[in-house]
Amino acid sequence: MGSHLVIEGLHVEVGGVLVLKGLDLSMRSGEVHVIMGPNGSGKSTLAHALAGRPGYRVVSGTVSLDGVDLLALSPTERARAGLLLALQQPLEVPGVRPYDLLLAAGADPSGLRERMIDEARRVELSPDVLERFVNVDLSGGERKRAEMVQVGVLRPRFAVLDEIDSGLDVDALGAVARRLSAAAHEWGCGILAITHFRRLLSELVPTRIHVMSEGRVVATGGPELAEVLERDGYEPFRASAAQPS
């Protein structure tokens, strides 16, 4: 059966402003769901709210992973339950090496270094990077590839990727997208990717595309929806979001 992530009626407030206004989304193991939408539609707010980032207050709604109420868990507990968030701008963690970060995240220490090196090679990242402090003095492409090492080692049930393609050149984008696509097949990782750009979808083929506007999903379709967005833009979907639900 695999795993099931279900978001229902999610309302989230940030800084006293209601950003998510009744978002619904459901996905299963091995599926690749892509969220697109104009700036300010709530895409990143969704990612941070799912991970439990402080400052993102859930006003109402539910989020469950295999029937477990994620909103009742701490950020650490959500990660241990199988939810991984990859940030648009991966944070520097001076004094902490990737090996120690992965141990703290619950990785099995048996053969961990070997698995890290194998994952680095899969995304064409120099294994030397794994001996540096997390994301310190790394290029944007190296940071995103290093996050793919984390995905490959931790093997989450669902990976939420907030603009993982931001700032990547063609080679880095291809390496990241191919590893994510393989993750969906290798252990049934559900991929929820937030992006502005159709170029990611040439390597990471979506099961479903969701269009967000005004804090909720206003359209859902297959890969062909990306072509509609490229041709018509977001304006028709803004109009849909403005209509009373």
Protein backbone atom coordinates (compact mmCIF):
# COMPACT_ATOMS: atom_id res chain seq x y z
CA MET A 1 0.00 0.00 0.00
CA GLY A 2 2.84 2.42 0.76
CA SER A 3 2.54 5.74 2.57
CA HIS A 4 -0.10 8.43 2.28
CA LEU A 5 0.26 12.17 2.99
CA VAL A 6 -3.05 14.00 3.34
CA ILE A 7 -3.53 17.76 3.80
CA GLU A 8 -7.08 18.96 4.40
CA GLY A 9 -8.43 22.47 4.88
CA LEU A 10 -5.06 23.87 5.93
CA HIS A 11 -5.11 27.48 7.11
CA VAL A 12 -1.76 28.98 8.13
CA GLU A 13 -0.95 32.41 9.51
CA VAL A 14 2.45 34.11 9.26
CA GLY A 15 3.12 37.36 11.11
CA GLY A 16 -0.57 37.88 11.75
CA VAL A 17 -1.47 37.43 8.06
CA LEU A 18 -3.49 34.45 6.84
CA VAL A 19 -1.44 33.01 3.96
CA LEU A 20 -2.89 29.52 3.43
CA LYS A 21 -6.67 29.63 3.18
CA GLY A 22 -7.99 26.10 3.05
CA LEU A 23 -5.41 24.08 1.14
CA ASP A 24 -6.17 20.48 0.20
CA LEU A 25 -3.65 18.01 -1.24
CA SER A 26 -3.22 14.25 -1.12
CA MET A 27 -0.34 12.10 -2.40
CA ARG A 28 1.04 8.58 -2.07
CA SER A 29 4.38 6.80 -2.09
CA GLY A 30 6.37 7.04 -5.30
CA GLU A 31 4.33 9.92 -6.69
CA VAL A 32 5.90 13.17 -7.86
CA HIS A 33 3.68 16.18 -7.19
CA VAL A 34 4.73 19.63 -8.35
CA ILE A 35 3.36 22.89 -6.97
CA MET A 36 3.53 25.98 -9.14
CA GLY A 37 2.05 29.43 -8.70
CA PRO A 38 2.78 33.16 -8.62
CA ASN A 39 4.90 34.80 -5.94
CA GLY A 40 2.97 35.25 -2.72
CA SER A 41 0.56 32.39 -3.37
CA GLY A 42 1.71 30.47 -0.29
CA LYS A 43 3.97 27.80 -1.78
CA SER A 44 6.89 28.23 0.62
CA THR A 45 4.51 28.78 3.52
CA LEU A 46 3.10 25.31 2.86
CA ALA A 47 6.59 23.76 2.93
CA HIS A 48 7.57 25.44 6.20
CA ALA A 49 4.23 24.71 7.86
CA LEU A 50 4.54 21.01 6.98
CA ALA A 51 8.00 20.89 8.55
CA GLY A 52 6.84 22.77 11.68
CA ARG A 53 9.01 25.86 11.31
CA PRO A 54 8.46 28.37 14.16
CA GLY A 55 6.43 31.41 13.15
CA TYR A 56 4.09 29.47 10.88
CA ARG A 57 0.90 29.10 12.92
CA VAL A 58 -1.65 26.53 11.82
CA VAL A 59 -5.05 28.10 12.43
CA SER A 60 -7.10 25.11 11.28
CA GLY A 61 -6.95 22.02 9.12
CA THR A 62 -5.17 18.69 9.34
CA VAL A 63 -2.00 17.06 8.00
CA SER A 64 -1.55 13.31 8.40
CA LEU A 65 1.12 10.85 7.34
CA ASP A 66 -0.15 7.27 7.35
CA GLY A 67 -2.86 8.33 9.77
CA VAL A 68 -0.46 10.05 12.19
CA ASP A 69 -1.29 13.69 13.01
CA LEU A 70 1.87 15.52 11.91
CA LEU A 71 0.70 18.82 13.36
CA ALA A 72 0.83 17.31 16.85
CA LEU A 73 4.52 16.49 16.43
CA SER A 74 7.65 18.62 16.90
CA PRO A 75 9.80 19.37 13.82
CA THR A 76 12.24 16.64 14.92
CA GLU A 77 9.43 14.13 15.36
CA ARG A 78 8.04 14.99 11.93
CA ALA A 79 11.44 14.31 10.38
CA ARG A 80 11.70 11.01 12.27
CA ALA A 81 8.20 10.13 11.01
CA GLY A 82 9.52 10.36 7.46
CA LEU A 83 9.08 13.97 6.29
CA LEU A 84 12.14 15.79 4.92
CA LEU A 85 12.24 19.47 3.95
CA ALA A 86 14.90 20.75 1.53
CA LEU A 87 15.14 24.53 1.75
CA GLN A 88 15.46 26.95 -1.14
CA GLN A 89 18.54 28.39 0.59
CA PRO A 90 20.22 25.55 2.55
CA LEU A 91 21.57 26.84 5.85
CA GLU A 92 25.21 26.92 6.86
CA VAL A 93 25.93 24.97 10.05
CA PRO A 94 29.47 25.90 11.18
CA GLY A 95 31.12 23.30 13.39
CA VAL A 96 28.87 20.45 12.26
CA ARG A 97 29.91 17.97 9.58
CA PRO A 98 27.42 16.12 7.32
CA TYR A 99 28.18 12.81 9.06
CA ASP A 100 27.15 14.21 12.45
CA LEU A 101 24.09 15.91 10.97
CA LEU A 102 22.89 12.64 9.49
CA LEU A 103 23.48 10.78 12.76
CA ALA A 104 21.41 13.42 14.59
CA ALA A 105 18.68 12.98 11.96
CA GLY A 106 18.47 9.29 12.75
CA ALA A 107 20.68 7.70 10.08
CA ASP A 108 21.94 4.18 10.78
CA PRO A 109 25.65 4.57 11.71
CA SER A 110 26.51 1.18 10.17
CA GLY A 111 28.31 1.88 6.91
CA LEU A 112 27.18 5.49 6.98
CA ARG A 113 30.34 7.01 5.49
CA GLU A 114 30.28 4.54 2.62
CA ARG A 115 26.63 5.34 1.89
CA MET A 116 27.36 9.07 1.97
CA ILE A 117 30.22 8.67 -0.51
CA ASP A 118 28.06 6.53 -2.80
CA GLU A 119 25.27 9.13 -2.74
CA ALA A 120 27.75 11.95 -3.40
CA ARG A 121 29.02 10.15 -6.47
CA ARG A 122 25.47 9.63 -7.72
CA VAL A 123 24.93 13.40 -7.83
CA GLU A 124 28.47 14.13 -9.07
CA LEU A 125 29.52 15.78 -5.80
CA SER A 126 33.14 15.50 -4.70
CA PRO A 127 33.33 13.29 -1.57
CA ASP A 128 35.74 15.90 -0.12
CA VAL A 129 32.73 18.17 0.41
CA LEU A 130 31.41 15.68 2.97
CA GLU A 131 34.39 16.46 5.22
CA ARG A 132 33.57 20.18 5.40
CA PHE A 133 31.13 21.83 7.78
CA VAL A 134 27.54 21.65 6.50
CA ASN A 135 27.11 24.07 3.56
CA VAL A 136 30.02 26.30 4.67
CA ASP A 137 31.92 27.76 1.68
CA LEU A 138 29.91 25.69 -0.79
CA SER A 139 28.47 26.91 -4.09
CA GLY A 140 24.72 26.84 -4.64
CA GLY A 141 25.02 23.73 -6.76
CA GLU A 142 27.15 21.96 -4.17
CA ARG A 143 24.62 22.75 -1.44
CA LYS A 144 21.73 21.32 -3.42
CA ARG A 145 23.70 18.21 -4.35
CA ALA A 146 24.67 17.80 -0.68
CA GLU A 147 20.99 17.89 0.22
CA MET A 148 20.42 15.04 -2.22
CA VAL A 149 23.04 13.08 -0.27
CA GLN A 150 20.85 13.58 2.81
CA VAL A 151 17.78 12.40 0.92
CA GLY A 152 19.57 9.30 -0.34
CA VAL A 153 20.95 8.36 3.08
CA LEU A 154 17.87 9.13 5.18
CA ARG A 155 15.35 7.74 2.66
CA PRO A 156 12.34 9.74 3.87
CA ARG A 157 8.80 8.70 3.07
CA PHE A 158 8.12 12.16 1.65
CA ALA A 159 10.55 14.88 0.57
CA VAL A 160 9.26 18.46 0.36
CA LEU A 161 11.52 20.53 -1.89
CA ASP A 162 11.20 24.30 -1.76
CA GLU A 163 12.55 25.53 -5.12
CA ILE A 164 15.30 22.93 -5.21
CA ASP A 165 16.11 24.14 -8.75
CA SER A 166 16.79 27.74 -7.67
CA GLY A 167 20.25 28.92 -8.73
CA LEU A 168 21.29 25.64 -10.35
CA ASP A 169 23.10 25.36 -13.64
CA VAL A 170 22.01 22.75 -16.18
CA ASP A 171 24.41 20.05 -14.94
CA ALA A 172 23.48 20.44 -11.26
CA LEU A 173 19.77 20.58 -12.09
CA GLY A 174 20.01 17.36 -14.05
CA ALA A 175 21.93 15.56 -11.29
CA VAL A 176 19.44 16.65 -8.61
CA ALA A 177 16.35 15.85 -10.69
CA ARG A 178 17.64 12.42 -11.70
CA ARG A 179 18.38 11.47 -8.07
CA LEU A 180 14.90 12.54 -6.99
CA SER A 181 13.30 10.60 -9.82
CA ALA A 182 15.31 7.52 -8.83
CA ALA A 183 14.27 7.97 -5.17
CA ALA A 184 10.62 7.76 -6.17
CA HIS A 185 11.29 4.37 -7.76
CA GLU A 186 13.93 2.93 -5.39
CA TRP A 187 12.05 3.17 -2.11
CA GLY A 188 8.79 4.85 -3.07
CA CYS A 189 9.74 8.30 -1.84
CA GLY A 190 6.89 10.75 -2.41
CA ILE A 191 8.25 13.96 -3.94
CA LEU A 192 6.48 17.29 -3.37
CA ALA A 193 8.45 19.84 -5.40
CA ILE A 194 7.76 23.58 -5.38
CA THR A 195 9.07 25.34 -8.45
CA HIS A 196 8.61 28.32 -10.75
CA PHE A 197 10.33 26.72 -13.71
CA ARG A 198 9.21 24.09 -16.17
CA ARG A 199 12.85 23.11 -16.83
CA LEU A 200 12.88 20.93 -13.67
CA LEU A 201 10.09 18.82 -15.14
CA SER A 202 12.15 17.68 -18.12
CA GLU A 203 14.06 15.35 -15.77
CA LEU A 204 11.62 15.00 -12.87
CA VAL A 205 8.40 13.91 -14.55
CA PRO A 206 5.40 14.82 -12.37
CA THR A 207 2.51 12.55 -11.52
CA ARG A 208 0.40 15.63 -10.79
CA ILE A 209 0.83 19.39 -11.05
CA HIS A 210 -1.01 21.69 -8.65
CA VAL A 211 -1.46 25.41 -9.23
CA MET A 212 -1.63 27.56 -6.11
CA SER A 213 -3.12 31.03 -5.93
CA GLU A 214 -4.32 33.09 -2.98
CA GLY A 215 -3.36 30.42 -0.48
CA ARG A 216 -5.05 27.37 -1.93
CA VAL A 217 -4.88 24.86 -4.78
CA VAL A 218 -7.02 26.19 -7.63
CA ALA A 219 -6.18 23.66 -10.35
CA THR A 220 -4.71 20.16 -10.60
CA GLY A 221 -3.69 18.22 -13.67
CA GLY A 222 -1.08 16.06 -15.31
CA PRO A 223 2.24 17.08 -16.89
CA GLU A 224 0.36 18.90 -19.66
CA LEU A 225 -0.66 21.57 -17.16
CA ALA A 226 2.90 22.93 -17.25
CA GLU A 227 2.41 23.70 -20.96
CA VAL A 228 -0.80 25.57 -20.17
CA LEU A 229 1.01 27.65 -17.56
CA GLU A 230 3.85 28.42 -19.94
CA ARG A 231 1.37 29.55 -22.61
CA ASP A 232 -1.23 31.40 -20.53
CA GLY A 233 0.61 32.32 -17.33
CA TYR A 234 -1.06 32.46 -13.93
CA GLU A 235 -3.66 35.14 -14.61
CA PRO A 236 -6.54 32.73 -15.43
CA PHE A 237 -5.85 30.91 -12.15
CA ARG A 238 -5.77 34.16 -10.16
CA ALA A 239 -9.30 34.73 -11.40
CA SER A 240 -10.31 31.26 -10.19
CA ALA A 241 -8.83 31.97 -6.77
CA ALA A 242 -10.76 35.23 -6.49
CA GLN A 243 -14.11 33.44 -6.85
CA PRO A 244 -15.87 32.50 -3.58
CA SER A 245 -15.39 28.84 -2.63
